[in-house]
Amino acid sequence: MPFGAGSVITNVGKGINAKRLVGTTPAQLEPKWLAMGVGATGAARTAAAADTALSTEVETRAVGTPTTVTTTQTNDTYQTVGTITATATRAVDECGTFDQLATGGNMHQSHTFAVVNLSSSDSIQFTAKCQFT
């Protein structure tokens, strides 16, 4: 899914990246949990570096599958892929990556996009990428 309306590493996310580089067993958890939200586009909101949460998070977070992929240079992009299933009708317009499964935690990336309408039991797969340039 393209994140055309806005896609940023949050200010807290920059700190997560730095903490993950310290030592061989960093205390900072990997930001591999994906969450989806509603209400961002309707409020004319785009992703911002100051974001710490989604507008209105819905559903249980997905444990993403993290990998490194090549965008420009070999392995220059951290990628997390996960699928979330709707339990009700949803007009989804944002996604975020977090460092924990439970609601809360630290938001690593914030993404906003055009509304994707889901019916109950529909699934949506998110691919969040963080390129190091």
N, C-alpha and C. Protein backbone atom coordinates (compact mmCIF):
# COMPACT_ATOMS: atom_id res chain seq x y z
N MET A 1 0.84 -1.17 0.00
CA MET A 1 0.00 0.00 0.00
C MET A 1 0.89 1.23 0.00
N PRO A 2 0.66 2.17 -0.90
CA PRO A 2 1.48 3.38 -0.91
C PRO A 2 1.06 4.32 0.21
N PHE A 3 2.02 4.92 0.83
CA PHE A 3 1.75 5.90 1.88
C PHE A 3 1.97 7.28 1.30
N GLY A 4 1.12 7.70 0.37
CA GLY A 4 1.33 8.93 -0.36
C GLY A 4 1.04 10.20 0.42
N ALA A 5 0.12 10.16 1.37
CA ALA A 5 -0.27 11.38 2.06
C ALA A 5 0.73 11.82 3.11
N GLY A 6 1.49 10.91 3.65
CA GLY A 6 2.47 11.28 4.66
C GLY A 6 3.11 10.06 5.26
N SER A 7 4.41 10.12 5.42
CA SER A 7 5.14 9.00 5.97
C SER A 7 6.42 9.54 6.60
N VAL A 8 6.55 9.38 7.92
CA VAL A 8 7.72 9.92 8.61
C VAL A 8 8.21 8.98 9.70
N ILE A 9 9.51 9.07 9.98
CA ILE A 9 10.05 8.49 11.20
C ILE A 9 9.79 9.55 12.27
N THR A 10 9.16 9.17 13.35
CA THR A 10 8.83 10.14 14.38
C THR A 10 10.09 10.57 15.13
N ASN A 11 9.97 11.64 15.90
CA ASN A 11 11.09 12.08 16.73
C ASN A 11 11.49 10.98 17.71
N VAL A 12 10.49 10.33 18.31
CA VAL A 12 10.77 9.22 19.22
C VAL A 12 11.40 8.07 18.43
N GLY A 13 10.96 7.86 17.19
CA GLY A 13 11.51 6.81 16.35
C GLY A 13 12.99 6.99 16.08
N LYS A 14 13.42 8.24 15.94
CA LYS A 14 14.86 8.51 15.75
C LYS A 14 15.64 8.06 16.98
N GLY A 15 15.05 8.27 18.16
CA GLY A 15 15.69 7.81 19.39
C GLY A 15 15.72 6.29 19.46
N ILE A 16 14.66 5.63 18.99
CA ILE A 16 14.63 4.17 18.95
C ILE A 16 15.77 3.66 18.07
N ASN A 17 15.94 4.27 16.91
CA ASN A 17 17.02 3.85 16.01
C ASN A 17 18.38 3.95 16.69
N ALA A 18 18.63 5.08 17.36
CA ALA A 18 19.91 5.28 18.03
C ALA A 18 20.11 4.27 19.15
N LYS A 19 19.07 4.03 19.96
CA LYS A 19 19.18 3.09 21.07
C LYS A 19 19.44 1.67 20.58
N ARG A 20 18.89 1.30 19.43
CA ARG A 20 19.08 -0.05 18.90
C ARG A 20 20.53 -0.28 18.47
N LEU A 21 21.27 0.80 18.22
CA LEU A 21 22.66 0.67 17.79
C LEU A 21 23.64 0.47 18.95
N VAL A 22 23.18 0.69 20.17
CA VAL A 22 24.06 0.62 21.34
C VAL A 22 24.16 -0.81 21.84
N GLY A 23 25.39 -1.33 21.91
CA GLY A 23 25.63 -2.66 22.48
C GLY A 23 25.19 -3.79 21.58
N THR A 24 25.43 -5.01 22.04
CA THR A 24 25.05 -6.19 21.27
C THR A 24 23.67 -6.71 21.65
N THR A 25 23.16 -6.32 22.80
CA THR A 25 21.82 -6.70 23.22
C THR A 25 21.10 -5.45 23.71
N PRO A 26 20.62 -4.63 22.79
CA PRO A 26 19.99 -3.38 23.20
C PRO A 26 18.71 -3.59 24.00
N ALA A 27 18.52 -2.73 24.99
CA ALA A 27 17.31 -2.80 25.81
C ALA A 27 16.10 -2.27 25.04
N GLN A 28 16.32 -1.47 24.02
CA GLN A 28 15.23 -0.91 23.22
C GLN A 28 14.63 -2.01 22.34
N LEU A 29 13.33 -2.25 22.49
CA LEU A 29 12.66 -3.26 21.69
C LEU A 29 12.57 -2.84 20.23
N GLU A 30 12.56 -3.81 19.36
CA GLU A 30 12.44 -3.56 17.92
C GLU A 30 11.05 -3.01 17.60
N PRO A 31 10.93 -2.00 16.76
CA PRO A 31 9.63 -1.42 16.43
C PRO A 31 8.91 -2.22 15.33
N LYS A 32 8.52 -3.45 15.66
CA LYS A 32 7.96 -4.35 14.65
C LYS A 32 6.46 -4.56 14.76
N TRP A 33 5.78 -3.87 15.67
CA TRP A 33 4.35 -4.04 15.83
C TRP A 33 3.63 -2.96 15.01
N LEU A 34 2.66 -3.40 14.20
CA LEU A 34 1.92 -2.50 13.32
C LEU A 34 0.52 -2.26 13.88
N ALA A 35 0.10 -1.00 13.82
CA ALA A 35 -1.25 -0.63 14.26
C ALA A 35 -1.93 0.14 13.14
N MET A 36 -3.26 0.05 13.08
CA MET A 36 -3.99 0.84 12.10
C MET A 36 -4.95 1.77 12.81
N GLY A 37 -5.27 2.87 12.12
CA GLY A 37 -6.13 3.86 12.73
C GLY A 37 -7.10 4.48 11.76
N VAL A 38 -8.04 5.21 12.32
CA VAL A 38 -9.06 5.92 11.55
C VAL A 38 -9.10 7.38 12.02
N GLY A 39 -9.54 8.26 11.16
CA GLY A 39 -9.74 9.65 11.56
C GLY A 39 -8.66 10.62 11.13
N ALA A 40 -7.57 10.15 10.54
CA ALA A 40 -6.49 11.06 10.17
C ALA A 40 -6.84 11.90 8.95
N THR A 41 -7.30 11.26 7.87
CA THR A 41 -7.59 11.98 6.64
C THR A 41 -8.79 12.90 6.81
N GLY A 42 -9.80 12.42 7.52
CA GLY A 42 -10.99 13.23 7.73
C GLY A 42 -10.68 14.52 8.47
N ALA A 43 -9.64 14.50 9.27
CA ALA A 43 -9.23 15.69 10.02
C ALA A 43 -8.17 16.48 9.25
N ALA A 44 -7.96 16.11 7.97
CA ALA A 44 -6.95 16.75 7.12
C ALA A 44 -5.57 16.69 7.77
N ARG A 45 -5.30 15.59 8.43
CA ARG A 45 -4.05 15.41 9.14
C ARG A 45 -3.09 14.56 8.32
N THR A 46 -1.85 14.94 8.29
CA THR A 46 -0.82 14.12 7.66
C THR A 46 0.17 13.69 8.75
N ALA A 47 0.93 12.68 8.45
CA ALA A 47 1.93 12.19 9.40
C ALA A 47 2.90 13.30 9.75
N ALA A 48 3.29 13.36 11.02
CA ALA A 48 4.21 14.39 11.49
C ALA A 48 5.25 13.78 12.42
N ALA A 49 6.44 14.34 12.40
CA ALA A 49 7.53 13.84 13.25
C ALA A 49 7.17 13.87 14.73
N ALA A 50 6.30 14.77 15.14
CA ALA A 50 5.91 14.89 16.54
C ALA A 50 4.85 13.86 16.96
N ASP A 51 4.35 13.06 16.03
CA ASP A 51 3.32 12.06 16.37
C ASP A 51 3.83 11.08 17.43
N THR A 52 2.95 10.76 18.38
CA THR A 52 3.27 9.75 19.38
C THR A 52 2.21 8.64 19.40
N ALA A 53 1.12 8.84 18.65
CA ALA A 53 0.04 7.86 18.59
C ALA A 53 -0.77 8.10 17.32
N LEU A 54 -1.59 7.13 16.95
CA LEU A 54 -2.51 7.31 15.82
C LEU A 54 -3.69 8.16 16.28
N SER A 55 -4.43 8.73 15.33
CA SER A 55 -5.60 9.53 15.69
C SER A 55 -6.56 8.71 16.54
N THR A 56 -7.03 7.60 16.00
CA THR A 56 -7.86 6.66 16.74
C THR A 56 -7.44 5.26 16.34
N GLU A 57 -6.69 4.59 17.20
CA GLU A 57 -6.22 3.24 16.89
C GLU A 57 -7.37 2.26 17.01
N VAL A 58 -7.48 1.36 16.03
CA VAL A 58 -8.52 0.33 16.05
C VAL A 58 -7.88 -1.03 15.83
N GLU A 59 -8.48 -2.06 16.37
CA GLU A 59 -8.05 -3.45 16.25
C GLU A 59 -6.79 -3.74 17.05
N THR A 60 -6.45 -5.00 17.14
CA THR A 60 -5.26 -5.45 17.84
C THR A 60 -4.06 -5.27 16.92
N ARG A 61 -2.96 -4.83 17.47
CA ARG A 61 -1.74 -4.66 16.67
C ARG A 61 -1.27 -6.01 16.13
N ALA A 62 -0.63 -5.95 14.97
CA ALA A 62 -0.06 -7.14 14.35
C ALA A 62 1.44 -7.19 14.66
N VAL A 63 1.93 -8.38 14.91
CA VAL A 63 3.37 -8.55 15.05
C VAL A 63 3.91 -8.67 13.63
N GLY A 64 4.65 -7.66 13.21
CA GLY A 64 5.17 -7.64 11.86
C GLY A 64 6.36 -8.55 11.69
N THR A 65 6.66 -8.85 10.44
CA THR A 65 7.85 -9.60 10.10
C THR A 65 8.90 -8.60 9.63
N PRO A 66 9.94 -8.38 10.42
CA PRO A 66 10.97 -7.40 10.05
C PRO A 66 12.05 -8.01 9.17
N THR A 67 12.50 -7.24 8.20
CA THR A 67 13.61 -7.63 7.33
C THR A 67 14.36 -6.37 6.93
N THR A 68 15.49 -6.55 6.28
CA THR A 68 16.14 -5.43 5.62
C THR A 68 16.01 -5.66 4.12
N VAL A 69 15.75 -4.58 3.41
CA VAL A 69 15.62 -4.64 1.96
C VAL A 69 16.45 -3.52 1.34
N THR A 70 16.65 -3.60 0.06
CA THR A 70 17.43 -2.60 -0.65
C THR A 70 16.52 -1.61 -1.36
N THR A 71 16.70 -0.32 -1.05
CA THR A 71 16.00 0.74 -1.76
C THR A 71 16.98 1.42 -2.71
N THR A 72 18.08 1.93 -2.17
CA THR A 72 19.13 2.56 -2.98
C THR A 72 20.45 1.83 -2.82
N GLN A 73 20.82 1.58 -1.58
CA GLN A 73 22.06 0.85 -1.25
C GLN A 73 21.67 -0.49 -0.64
N THR A 74 22.52 -1.47 -0.73
CA THR A 74 22.24 -2.80 -0.19
C THR A 74 21.84 -2.70 1.28
N ASN A 75 20.68 -3.25 1.61
CA ASN A 75 20.14 -3.33 2.98
C ASN A 75 20.02 -1.98 3.68
N ASP A 76 19.65 -0.93 2.95
CA ASP A 76 19.53 0.40 3.55
C ASP A 76 18.15 0.69 4.13
N THR A 77 17.25 -0.29 4.08
CA THR A 77 15.87 -0.05 4.51
C THR A 77 15.40 -1.15 5.46
N TYR A 78 14.87 -0.72 6.63
CA TYR A 78 14.25 -1.62 7.59
C TYR A 78 12.78 -1.71 7.18
N GLN A 79 12.29 -2.92 6.99
CA GLN A 79 10.91 -3.12 6.53
C GLN A 79 10.18 -4.04 7.49
N THR A 80 8.93 -3.69 7.80
CA THR A 80 8.08 -4.51 8.64
C THR A 80 6.77 -4.75 7.90
N VAL A 81 6.38 -6.02 7.78
CA VAL A 81 5.15 -6.38 7.08
C VAL A 81 4.24 -7.13 8.03
N GLY A 82 2.97 -6.72 8.09
CA GLY A 82 2.01 -7.39 8.95
C GLY A 82 0.59 -7.20 8.46
N THR A 83 -0.29 -8.10 8.87
CA THR A 83 -1.69 -8.07 8.44
C THR A 83 -2.60 -7.89 9.65
N ILE A 84 -3.57 -7.01 9.51
CA ILE A 84 -4.55 -6.75 10.57
C ILE A 84 -5.94 -7.03 10.00
N THR A 85 -6.78 -7.70 10.78
CA THR A 85 -8.14 -8.03 10.36
C THR A 85 -9.13 -7.15 11.10
N ALA A 86 -10.07 -6.58 10.34
CA ALA A 86 -11.10 -5.71 10.92
C ALA A 86 -12.17 -6.54 11.62
N THR A 87 -12.60 -6.08 12.79
CA THR A 87 -13.69 -6.75 13.51
C THR A 87 -15.01 -6.02 13.32
N ALA A 88 -14.96 -4.90 12.58
CA ALA A 88 -16.14 -4.10 12.27
C ALA A 88 -15.84 -3.33 10.99
N THR A 89 -16.83 -2.64 10.45
CA THR A 89 -16.61 -1.80 9.29
C THR A 89 -15.67 -0.67 9.69
N ARG A 90 -14.65 -0.42 8.89
CA ARG A 90 -13.64 0.58 9.20
C ARG A 90 -13.30 1.40 7.96
N ALA A 91 -13.00 2.68 8.17
CA ALA A 91 -12.47 3.57 7.12
C ALA A 91 -11.04 3.91 7.54
N VAL A 92 -10.12 3.02 7.23
CA VAL A 92 -8.73 3.10 7.70
C VAL A 92 -7.97 4.14 6.88
N ASP A 93 -7.21 5.00 7.56
CA ASP A 93 -6.43 6.01 6.84
C ASP A 93 -5.08 6.30 7.49
N GLU A 94 -4.64 5.42 8.39
CA GLU A 94 -3.32 5.60 8.98
C GLU A 94 -2.79 4.29 9.54
N CYS A 95 -1.47 4.25 9.63
CA CYS A 95 -0.77 3.08 10.16
C CYS A 95 0.44 3.60 10.92
N GLY A 96 0.84 2.86 11.92
CA GLY A 96 2.04 3.22 12.66
C GLY A 96 2.79 1.97 13.09
N THR A 97 4.09 2.13 13.32
CA THR A 97 4.87 1.04 13.89
C THR A 97 5.23 1.43 15.32
N PHE A 98 5.23 0.41 16.19
CA PHE A 98 5.45 0.63 17.61
C PHE A 98 6.42 -0.39 18.16
N ASP A 99 6.93 -0.12 19.37
CA ASP A 99 7.88 -1.02 20.00
C ASP A 99 7.24 -1.96 21.02
N GLN A 100 5.92 -2.12 20.98
CA GLN A 100 5.25 -3.10 21.83
C GLN A 100 3.90 -3.47 21.24
N LEU A 101 3.42 -4.66 21.61
CA LEU A 101 2.15 -5.16 21.11
C LEU A 101 0.96 -4.43 21.74
N ALA A 102 1.01 -4.20 23.04
CA ALA A 102 -0.10 -3.55 23.74
C ALA A 102 -0.23 -2.09 23.31
N THR A 103 -1.42 -1.55 23.41
CA THR A 103 -1.64 -0.14 23.10
C THR A 103 -0.70 0.71 23.94
N GLY A 104 -0.17 1.75 23.33
CA GLY A 104 0.82 2.59 24.01
C GLY A 104 2.18 2.31 23.42
N GLY A 105 3.19 2.44 24.22
CA GLY A 105 4.54 2.22 23.73
C GLY A 105 5.02 3.40 22.92
N ASN A 106 6.13 3.20 22.23
CA ASN A 106 6.75 4.27 21.46
C ASN A 106 6.46 4.10 19.98
N MET A 107 5.97 5.17 19.34
CA MET A 107 5.67 5.14 17.92
C MET A 107 6.94 5.43 17.13
N HIS A 108 7.32 4.49 16.28
CA HIS A 108 8.53 4.63 15.48
C HIS A 108 8.25 5.37 14.17
N GLN A 109 7.19 4.96 13.47
CA GLN A 109 6.83 5.58 12.20
C GLN A 109 5.34 5.93 12.20
N SER A 110 5.01 6.99 11.48
CA SER A 110 3.62 7.41 11.31
C SER A 110 3.35 7.53 9.82
N HIS A 111 2.25 6.92 9.36
CA HIS A 111 1.88 6.94 7.95
C HIS A 111 0.40 7.30 7.81
N THR A 112 0.09 8.21 6.92
CA THR A 112 -1.30 8.52 6.58
C THR A 112 -1.49 8.30 5.09
N PHE A 113 -2.72 7.97 4.70
CA PHE A 113 -3.01 7.65 3.30
C PHE A 113 -4.49 7.82 3.03
N ALA A 114 -4.88 7.74 1.76
CA ALA A 114 -6.28 7.84 1.38
C ALA A 114 -7.06 6.71 2.06
N VAL A 115 -8.30 6.97 2.39
CA VAL A 115 -9.14 6.01 3.11
C VAL A 115 -9.24 4.69 2.36
N VAL A 116 -9.08 3.60 3.11
CA VAL A 116 -9.32 2.25 2.62
C VAL A 116 -10.49 1.71 3.44
N ASN A 117 -11.60 1.44 2.78
CA ASN A 117 -12.80 0.95 3.47
C ASN A 117 -12.72 -0.56 3.64
N LEU A 118 -12.92 -1.00 4.87
CA LEU A 118 -12.90 -2.42 5.19
C LEU A 118 -14.24 -2.83 5.78
N SER A 119 -14.69 -4.01 5.42
CA SER A 119 -15.86 -4.61 6.06
C SER A 119 -15.36 -5.50 7.19
N SER A 120 -16.26 -5.88 8.07
CA SER A 120 -15.89 -6.78 9.14
C SER A 120 -15.31 -8.06 8.54
N SER A 121 -14.21 -8.53 9.09
CA SER A 121 -13.48 -9.73 8.65
C SER A 121 -12.55 -9.49 7.47
N ASP A 122 -12.54 -8.28 6.89
CA ASP A 122 -11.56 -7.95 5.84
C ASP A 122 -10.19 -7.80 6.50
N SER A 123 -9.17 -8.17 5.77
CA SER A 123 -7.80 -8.00 6.25
C SER A 123 -7.07 -7.00 5.37
N ILE A 124 -6.11 -6.33 5.98
CA ILE A 124 -5.27 -5.39 5.23
C ILE A 124 -3.82 -5.66 5.62
N GLN A 125 -2.96 -5.71 4.62
CA GLN A 125 -1.54 -5.94 4.88
C GLN A 125 -0.81 -4.61 4.75
N PHE A 126 -0.02 -4.30 5.77
CA PHE A 126 0.79 -3.08 5.77
C PHE A 126 2.25 -3.43 5.58
N THR A 127 2.94 -2.62 4.80
CA THR A 127 4.38 -2.72 4.64
C THR A 127 4.94 -1.36 5.01
N ALA A 128 5.61 -1.28 6.15
CA ALA A 128 6.20 -0.02 6.61
C ALA A 128 7.70 -0.09 6.37
N LYS A 129 8.24 0.95 5.73
CA LYS A 129 9.67 0.98 5.40
C LYS A 129 10.33 2.19 6.03
N CYS A 130 11.53 1.98 6.54
CA CYS A 130 12.33 3.04 7.14
C CYS A 130 13.69 3.00 6.44
N GLN A 131 13.88 3.92 5.48
CA GLN A 131 15.14 3.95 4.74
C GLN A 131 16.15 4.84 5.43
N PHE A 132 17.37 4.36 5.54
CA PHE A 132 18.46 5.13 6.12
C PHE A 132 19.24 5.77 4.97
N THR A 133 19.21 7.10 4.93
CA THR A 133 19.88 7.83 3.84
C THR A 133 20.96 8.71 4.38
